[in-house]
């Protein structure tokens, strides 16, 4: 009787272990991360943008910007983070930051927009190579004290304010998982 009970318990335990492996994607250890996929066009400026960034940042204040970027092109791709102002000027927060293929890279930069150039309007994440597909996640802006003023991580399945500027965007599961 004890042997039958022990075998039954072990059988149920083995079944639960097998079942738990069925609900997870291979290599994810049960955690599926959502990211924003950006399918750029064959011309420049077809990328992802966040409209009305002035609701989060101000001119003459210093912020730290960070974003994780990934792509599957054959060679490294350089990326820019560009801030558009109300005076239609385009200010580089970072320019030409290199991301190797099939590797998530976090790019971080500190930047202060001078109010003589206008107030913040929009922000763009753009590759210097057109016609590619790239992914990004964990876009964060912090003020000088370290307080997060904006964070987009796409875990809720929405674009969280990001739009396609002539590009197609969608929330997908992390392609590296």
Protein backbone atom coordinates (compact mmCIF):
# COMPACT_ATOMS: atom_id res chain seq x y z
CA UNK A 1 0.00 0.00 0.00
CA UNK A 2 2.78 2.43 0.92
CA UNK A 3 4.63 1.50 -2.26
CA UNK A 4 1.55 2.19 -4.40
CA UNK A 5 1.02 5.54 -2.67
CA UNK A 6 4.65 6.52 -3.14
CA UNK A 7 4.55 5.59 -6.85
CA UNK A 8 1.32 7.55 -7.29
CA UNK A 9 2.80 10.65 -5.67
CA UNK A 10 5.95 10.34 -7.79
CA UNK A 11 3.84 9.91 -10.92
CA UNK A 12 1.80 13.03 -10.18
CA UNK A 13 5.01 14.95 -9.42
CA UNK A 14 6.58 13.82 -12.72
CA UNK A 15 3.41 14.77 -14.62
CA UNK A 16 3.43 18.26 -13.07
CA UNK A 17 7.09 18.75 -14.00
CA UNK A 18 6.39 17.74 -17.60
CA UNK A 19 3.30 19.95 -17.73
CA UNK A 20 5.20 22.96 -16.39
CA UNK A 21 7.74 22.51 -19.20
CA UNK A 22 4.93 22.63 -21.78
CA UNK A 23 3.75 26.12 -20.84
CA UNK A 24 7.17 27.74 -21.12
CA UNK A 25 9.02 28.53 -24.31
CA UNK A 26 12.42 26.82 -24.58
CA UNK A 27 15.19 28.85 -22.97
CA UNK A 28 12.89 31.29 -21.18
CA UNK A 29 12.70 29.61 -17.79
CA UNK A 30 9.01 30.52 -17.78
CA UNK A 31 9.39 34.30 -18.34
CA UNK A 32 8.39 35.66 -21.73
CA UNK A 33 9.49 39.25 -22.24
CA UNK A 34 7.51 41.58 -24.51
CA UNK A 35 9.35 44.12 -26.68
CA UNK A 36 8.52 46.61 -29.42
CA UNK A 37 9.26 45.41 -32.95
CA UNK A 38 9.98 48.17 -35.50
CA UNK A 39 9.88 47.37 -39.22
CA UNK A 40 11.52 50.35 -40.89
CA UNK A 41 10.94 51.29 -44.48
CA UNK A 42 13.48 51.61 -47.25
CA UNK A 43 14.06 55.31 -46.57
CA UNK A 44 15.32 57.27 -43.58
CA UNK A 45 13.07 58.54 -40.77
CA UNK A 46 10.84 55.47 -40.92
CA UNK A 47 11.17 54.46 -37.33
CA UNK A 48 9.55 54.59 -33.88
CA UNK A 49 8.69 57.87 -32.20
CA UNK A 50 7.15 59.05 -28.97
CA UNK A 51 4.93 62.07 -29.53
CA UNK A 52 4.39 64.69 -26.80
CA UNK A 53 7.58 63.93 -24.89
CA UNK A 54 7.17 67.41 -23.35
CA UNK A 55 4.68 65.80 -20.95
CA UNK A 56 7.68 64.05 -19.36
CA UNK A 57 10.77 66.25 -19.85
CA UNK A 58 11.60 69.97 -19.94
CA UNK A 59 14.23 72.14 -21.57
CA UNK A 60 17.19 73.26 -19.42
CA UNK A 61 16.98 70.11 -17.29
CA UNK A 62 19.39 67.18 -17.45
CA UNK A 63 18.04 63.67 -18.01
CA UNK A 64 19.57 60.24 -18.44
CA UNK A 65 18.10 58.21 -21.28
CA UNK A 66 18.53 54.47 -21.65
CA UNK A 67 17.14 51.87 -24.01
CA UNK A 68 17.84 48.23 -24.86
CA UNK A 69 18.10 47.55 -28.62
CA UNK A 70 18.33 44.29 -30.60
CA UNK A 71 18.43 43.39 -34.29
CA UNK A 72 19.20 40.32 -36.42
CA UNK A 73 20.98 41.96 -39.38
CA UNK A 74 24.19 40.33 -40.65
CA UNK A 75 26.43 43.14 -39.35
CA UNK A 76 26.40 45.78 -36.63
CA UNK A 77 23.94 48.65 -36.97
CA UNK A 78 24.36 52.15 -35.58
CA UNK A 79 21.42 53.76 -33.77
CA UNK A 80 20.46 57.32 -32.86
CA UNK A 81 18.18 58.75 -30.21
CA UNK A 82 16.94 62.08 -31.51
CA UNK A 83 14.90 64.74 -29.75
CA UNK A 84 12.76 67.04 -31.91
CA UNK A 85 12.07 70.51 -30.52
CA UNK A 86 9.18 72.94 -30.90
CA UNK A 87 11.51 74.98 -33.16
CA UNK A 88 11.79 71.97 -35.51
CA UNK A 89 15.38 71.32 -34.54
CA UNK A 90 16.65 67.78 -34.15
CA UNK A 91 19.00 67.25 -31.21
CA UNK A 92 21.06 64.06 -30.84
CA UNK A 93 20.87 62.48 -27.42
CA UNK A 94 23.12 59.73 -28.74
CA UNK A 95 24.34 59.28 -32.29
CA UNK A 96 25.89 56.27 -33.99
CA UNK A 97 25.77 53.89 -31.02
CA UNK A 98 26.72 50.50 -32.41
CA UNK A 99 24.63 47.40 -31.76
CA UNK A 100 26.06 44.05 -32.91
CA UNK A 101 23.72 41.44 -34.42
CA UNK A 102 21.64 39.13 -32.22
CA UNK A 103 22.74 40.84 -28.99
CA UNK A 104 20.69 43.00 -26.66
CA UNK A 105 22.66 46.20 -25.99
CA UNK A 106 21.76 48.90 -23.49
CA UNK A 107 22.61 52.38 -24.68
CA UNK A 108 22.64 55.19 -22.14
CA UNK A 109 23.31 58.90 -22.47
CA UNK A 110 22.86 62.03 -20.40
CA UNK A 111 21.55 65.10 -22.18
CA UNK A 112 20.33 68.64 -21.47
CA UNK A 113 18.20 70.42 -24.06
CA UNK A 114 19.00 74.13 -24.14
CA UNK A 115 15.75 76.14 -24.22
CA UNK A 116 17.22 78.45 -26.89
CA UNK A 117 16.76 75.45 -29.24
CA UNK A 118 13.10 75.11 -28.29
CA UNK A 119 11.16 72.88 -25.95
CA UNK A 120 10.96 69.10 -26.34
CA UNK A 121 8.34 67.84 -28.76
CA UNK A 122 9.01 64.26 -29.95
CA UNK A 123 11.70 61.62 -29.53
CA UNK A 124 12.85 59.07 -32.11
CA UNK A 125 14.80 55.80 -31.89
CA UNK A 126 16.26 55.27 -35.33
CA UNK A 127 18.78 53.01 -37.04
CA UNK A 128 21.28 54.59 -39.41
CA UNK A 129 20.58 51.68 -41.77
CA UNK A 130 17.19 51.85 -43.47
CA UNK A 131 15.03 48.89 -44.38
CA UNK A 132 15.72 46.81 -41.28
CA UNK A 133 13.75 45.26 -38.45
CA UNK A 134 14.86 46.04 -34.92
CA UNK A 135 13.47 45.63 -31.42
CA UNK A 136 13.71 47.76 -28.33
CA UNK A 137 12.68 47.50 -24.72
CA UNK A 138 13.01 49.21 -21.35
CA UNK A 139 13.14 52.79 -22.62
CA UNK A 140 13.73 54.87 -19.48
CA UNK A 141 14.21 58.57 -18.80
CA UNK A 142 15.44 59.64 -15.35
CA UNK A 143 15.84 63.15 -13.98
CA UNK A 144 19.00 64.36 -12.21
CA UNK A 145 17.85 62.92 -8.89
CA UNK A 146 17.44 59.47 -10.47
CA UNK A 147 13.64 59.58 -10.43
CA UNK A 148 12.08 57.76 -13.39
CA UNK A 149 9.96 60.23 -15.37
CA UNK A 150 9.11 57.81 -18.19
CA UNK A 151 9.45 54.06 -18.59
CA UNK A 152 8.09 51.90 -21.39
CA UNK A 153 8.55 48.13 -21.15
CA UNK A 154 5.60 46.80 -23.23
CA UNK A 155 4.76 44.07 -20.73
CA UNK A 156 1.09 45.08 -20.86
CA UNK A 157 1.03 44.25 -24.59
CA UNK A 158 0.53 47.85 -25.74
CA UNK A 159 2.87 50.29 -27.51
CA UNK A 160 2.73 52.56 -24.43
CA UNK A 161 2.74 55.79 -26.44
CA UNK A 162 5.19 54.78 -29.18
CA UNK A 163 4.06 55.18 -32.78
CA UNK A 164 5.40 54.21 -36.16
CA UNK A 165 6.78 57.16 -38.10
CA UNK A 166 6.34 55.62 -41.54
CA UNK A 167 7.25 52.28 -39.95
CA UNK A 168 5.19 49.36 -38.70
CA UNK A 169 5.40 48.74 -34.97
CA UNK A 170 3.99 45.92 -32.87
CA UNK A 171 4.48 44.39 -29.45
CA UNK A 172 5.98 40.90 -29.75
CA UNK A 173 7.78 38.40 -27.58
CA UNK A 174 11.54 38.89 -27.33
CA UNK A 175 13.06 37.19 -30.41
CA UNK A 176 16.20 36.28 -28.44
CA UNK A 177 14.27 34.02 -26.05
